[in-house]
């Protein structure tokens, strides 16, 4: 899952980016309303972590711009303004969840997982396809009850495909989900992740759709 963090405090922004990356998210981070709007216009994110008090305006302005443009990307507000009136204002402006500072990083990750589940129309915290079980919270993958060790990128690739089992993802779409702005992407990185997943979970796991991309295969 690709997350945009909008936070002007350098230490907090870097901590969120590192922590959420370790929790399995692909995290990009900006510090201003202007940068946030530019990032949201240019990229596709699964959720936004949004501070309210930014140096060039309010996070509510970013939120309003999103919702006015009919962008339904889930938004989690993080702010030191923890009065009831502030929470109500944020939620009524279109936020999906609200967390006051200070906060626990594990709770931020859990709330983001819940938001993205709901936005994808799922209630179950786990993903299941055939005999493969994927647990985002613990980054666990099992096939037929046997644990399979995957790298972070392999896990993320499998999670994207299992979240949308009937969909075809192009190489560019998978790269967008797996890598942040400042990360270098080898030209064959996606092919390597797919190759490793097939080796670890079986050749029938992922189907190559010529000229289009990849999707979960039909073989058992």
Protein backbone atom coordinates (compact mmCIF):
# COMPACT_ATOMS: atom_id res chain seq x y z
CA UNK A 1 0.00 0.00 0.00
CA UNK A 2 1.34 3.41 -0.96
CA UNK A 3 0.86 6.13 1.66
CA UNK A 4 1.37 9.90 1.50
CA UNK A 5 2.48 11.52 4.76
CA UNK A 6 1.84 15.27 5.11
CA UNK A 7 3.64 16.53 8.22
CA UNK A 8 5.83 19.62 8.73
CA UNK A 9 7.75 18.39 11.77
CA UNK A 10 10.97 16.89 10.34
CA UNK A 11 11.54 14.35 13.11
CA UNK A 12 7.93 13.20 13.18
CA UNK A 13 7.71 13.05 9.38
CA UNK A 14 10.89 10.97 9.10
CA UNK A 15 9.78 8.71 11.95
CA UNK A 16 6.43 8.07 10.30
CA UNK A 17 8.06 7.34 6.98
CA UNK A 18 10.57 4.87 8.42
CA UNK A 19 8.07 3.24 10.78
CA UNK A 20 5.37 2.77 8.17
CA UNK A 21 7.93 1.44 5.70
CA UNK A 22 8.96 -1.18 8.26
CA UNK A 23 5.26 -2.02 8.70
CA UNK A 24 5.03 -2.87 5.00
CA UNK A 25 3.82 0.41 3.51
CA UNK A 26 5.42 2.33 0.65
CA UNK A 27 5.64 5.78 2.22
CA UNK A 28 6.27 9.17 0.61
CA UNK A 29 6.38 12.34 2.69
CA UNK A 30 5.92 16.10 2.20
CA UNK A 31 5.79 19.08 4.56
CA UNK A 32 3.35 21.61 3.07
CA UNK A 33 -0.16 21.93 1.64
CA UNK A 34 1.28 22.93 -1.73
CA UNK A 35 3.54 19.87 -1.90
CA UNK A 36 0.70 17.61 -0.77
CA UNK A 37 -1.65 18.84 -3.50
CA UNK A 38 1.08 18.45 -6.12
CA UNK A 39 1.84 14.91 -4.94
CA UNK A 40 -1.82 13.90 -4.92
CA UNK A 41 -2.29 15.32 -8.42
CA UNK A 42 0.73 13.46 -9.77
CA UNK A 43 0.50 10.10 -8.01
CA UNK A 44 -1.87 7.40 -6.85
CA UNK A 45 -2.01 6.74 -3.11
CA UNK A 46 -3.97 4.19 -1.09
CA UNK A 47 -4.26 6.53 1.91
CA UNK A 48 -3.08 9.90 3.26
CA UNK A 49 -1.76 10.68 6.74
CA UNK A 50 -2.52 14.39 7.09
CA UNK A 51 -1.48 16.90 9.75
CA UNK A 52 -3.82 19.84 10.28
CA UNK A 53 -1.31 22.54 11.20
CA UNK A 54 0.96 23.11 8.20
CA UNK A 55 3.22 26.08 7.49
CA UNK A 56 1.29 27.29 4.43
CA UNK A 57 -2.24 26.56 5.56
CA UNK A 58 -4.52 23.98 7.11
CA UNK A 59 -4.63 20.30 6.29
CA UNK A 60 -8.38 20.79 6.03
CA UNK A 61 -7.72 22.79 2.85
CA UNK A 62 -5.94 19.77 1.37
CA UNK A 63 -8.80 17.56 2.47
CA UNK A 64 -11.39 19.89 0.96
CA UNK A 65 -9.51 19.97 -2.34
CA UNK A 66 -9.48 16.18 -2.44
CA UNK A 67 -13.16 15.80 -1.72
CA UNK A 68 -14.19 18.65 -4.04
CA UNK A 69 -12.38 16.77 -6.79
CA UNK A 70 -14.33 13.61 -5.92
CA UNK A 71 -11.14 11.91 -4.76
CA UNK A 72 -12.15 9.30 -2.18
CA UNK A 73 -8.64 8.35 -1.03
CA UNK A 74 -8.89 7.50 2.69
CA UNK A 75 -7.51 10.25 4.95
CA UNK A 76 -6.24 9.81 8.51
CA UNK A 77 -5.84 13.11 10.35
CA UNK A 78 -2.96 13.43 12.79
CA UNK A 79 -2.93 16.56 14.88
CA UNK A 80 -2.19 18.09 18.25
CA UNK A 81 -5.66 19.66 18.12
CA UNK A 82 -7.50 16.98 20.02
CA UNK A 83 -10.59 18.88 21.16
CA UNK A 84 -13.95 17.37 20.32
CA UNK A 85 -14.77 20.36 18.10
CA UNK A 86 -11.57 19.81 16.08
CA UNK A 87 -12.32 16.12 15.63
CA UNK A 88 -15.85 16.91 14.47
CA UNK A 89 -14.59 19.54 12.02
CA UNK A 90 -12.10 17.12 10.52
CA UNK A 91 -14.55 14.25 10.15
CA UNK A 92 -17.29 16.49 8.77
CA UNK A 93 -14.81 17.83 6.21
CA UNK A 94 -14.37 14.35 4.77
CA UNK A 95 -11.68 12.69 6.88
CA UNK A 96 -12.09 8.96 7.44
CA UNK A 97 -10.36 8.74 10.80
CA UNK A 98 -8.70 10.96 13.40
CA UNK A 99 -5.78 10.40 15.76
CA UNK A 100 -4.42 12.93 18.25
CA UNK A 101 -0.75 13.55 19.02
CA UNK A 102 1.14 11.96 20.62
CA UNK A 103 0.26 8.63 19.03
CA UNK A 104 1.52 5.08 18.83
CA UNK A 105 3.03 4.16 15.46
CA UNK A 106 1.56 0.66 15.58
CA UNK A 107 -1.89 2.21 15.98
CA UNK A 108 -1.31 4.46 12.97
CA UNK A 109 -0.40 1.39 10.89
CA UNK A 110 -3.45 -0.52 12.15
CA UNK A 111 -5.79 2.36 11.38
CA UNK A 112 -4.34 2.67 7.87
CA UNK A 113 -4.86 -1.04 7.26
CA UNK A 114 -8.46 -0.69 8.41
CA UNK A 115 -9.06 2.35 6.19
CA UNK A 116 -7.67 0.66 3.08
CA UNK A 117 -9.68 -2.50 3.79
CA UNK A 118 -12.88 -0.49 3.92
CA UNK A 119 -12.01 1.48 0.79
CA UNK A 120 -11.54 -1.83 -1.03
CA UNK A 121 -14.86 -3.15 0.25
CA UNK A 122 -13.32 -5.75 2.58
CA UNK A 123 -13.97 -6.40 6.26
CA UNK A 124 -11.59 -9.32 6.79
CA UNK A 125 -8.12 -8.33 7.98
CA UNK A 126 -6.58 -11.29 6.16
CA UNK A 127 -6.41 -12.08 2.44
CA UNK A 128 -7.09 -15.57 1.13
CA UNK A 129 -6.67 -16.92 -2.39
CA UNK A 130 -6.82 -20.66 -3.03
CA UNK A 131 -4.59 -22.12 -0.31
CA UNK A 132 -2.55 -18.94 0.18
CA UNK A 133 -3.14 -16.86 3.30
CA UNK A 134 -1.69 -13.35 3.71
CA UNK A 135 -1.83 -11.38 6.96
CA UNK A 136 -0.86 -7.70 6.44
CA UNK A 137 -0.51 -6.86 10.15
CA UNK A 138 2.23 -9.45 10.73
CA UNK A 139 3.46 -9.66 7.11
CA UNK A 140 2.83 -13.40 7.24
CA UNK A 141 2.26 -15.58 4.20
CA UNK A 142 1.27 -19.24 4.32
CA UNK A 143 0.58 -21.76 1.59
CA UNK A 144 -1.39 -24.85 2.63
CA UNK A 145 -0.62 -23.98 6.26
CA UNK A 146 3.13 -23.74 5.69
CA UNK A 147 4.82 -20.41 6.29
CA UNK A 148 6.65 -18.95 3.30
CA UNK A 149 9.30 -16.30 3.82
CA UNK A 150 9.08 -13.37 1.42
CA UNK A 151 11.08 -10.18 1.07
CA UNK A 152 9.28 -6.89 1.74
CA UNK A 153 8.87 -6.21 -1.99
CA UNK A 154 7.69 -9.75 -2.70
CA UNK A 155 5.13 -9.47 0.08
CA UNK A 156 3.93 -6.10 -1.22
CA UNK A 157 3.61 -7.45 -4.77
CA UNK A 158 1.57 -10.41 -3.58
CA UNK A 159 -0.61 -8.17 -1.40
CA UNK A 160 -1.47 -5.91 -4.35
CA UNK A 161 -2.47 -8.89 -6.50
CA UNK A 162 -4.44 -10.64 -3.73
CA UNK A 163 -6.29 -7.43 -2.85
CA UNK A 164 -7.72 -7.38 -6.39
CA UNK A 165 -7.71 -11.04 -7.54
CA UNK A 166 -9.52 -10.40 -10.82
CA UNK A 167 -7.50 -7.37 -11.87
CA UNK A 168 -4.52 -7.03 -14.19
CA UNK A 169 -1.70 -4.79 -12.97
CA UNK A 170 0.79 -3.36 -15.41
CA UNK A 171 4.49 -3.21 -14.60
CA UNK A 172 4.19 0.57 -14.13
CA UNK A 173 1.25 0.19 -11.73
CA UNK A 174 3.15 -2.34 -9.61
CA UNK A 175 6.24 -0.12 -9.55
CA UNK A 176 4.03 2.76 -8.38
CA UNK A 177 2.72 0.64 -5.49
CA UNK A 178 6.11 -0.76 -4.48
CA UNK A 179 8.52 2.16 -4.71
CA UNK A 180 8.59 5.69 -3.33
CA UNK A 181 9.78 8.82 -5.12
CA UNK A 182 13.39 8.70 -3.97
CA UNK A 183 13.93 4.98 -4.49
CA UNK A 184 15.81 3.75 -7.52
CA UNK A 185 13.92 1.11 -9.48
CA UNK A 186 15.84 -1.40 -11.59
CA UNK A 187 14.30 -1.89 -15.04
CA UNK A 188 13.55 -5.56 -14.32
CA UNK A 189 12.63 -5.20 -10.62
CA UNK A 190 8.99 -6.23 -11.01
CA UNK A 191 9.92 -9.23 -13.15
CA UNK A 192 12.38 -10.33 -10.47
CA UNK A 193 9.72 -10.08 -7.71
CA UNK A 194 7.25 -12.07 -9.84
CA UNK A 195 9.91 -14.71 -10.57
CA UNK A 196 10.70 -15.13 -6.87
CA UNK A 197 7.02 -15.39 -5.93
CA UNK A 198 6.49 -18.11 -8.54
CA UNK A 199 9.55 -19.97 -7.24
CA UNK A 200 8.41 -19.78 -3.62
CA UNK A 201 4.64 -20.24 -4.04
CA UNK A 202 4.31 -22.22 -7.25
CA UNK A 203 4.41 -21.44 -10.99
CA UNK A 204 0.62 -21.22 -11.25
CA UNK A 205 0.38 -18.36 -8.77
CA UNK A 206 0.77 -15.40 -11.13
CA UNK A 207 -0.27 -15.24 -14.75
CA UNK A 208 1.44 -12.99 -17.30
CA UNK A 209 -1.11 -11.32 -19.56
CA UNK A 210 0.80 -10.48 -22.71
CA UNK A 211 1.05 -6.77 -23.37
CA UNK A 212 -0.92 -5.88 -20.23
CA UNK A 213 0.74 -7.09 -17.04
CA UNK A 214 0.14 -9.60 -14.26
CA UNK A 215 -2.77 -11.09 -12.33
CA UNK A 216 -3.41 -14.07 -10.08
CA UNK A 217 -3.49 -17.23 -12.16
CA UNK A 218 -6.28 -19.75 -12.43
CA UNK A 219 -4.24 -22.83 -11.53
CA UNK A 220 -4.49 -24.41 -8.09
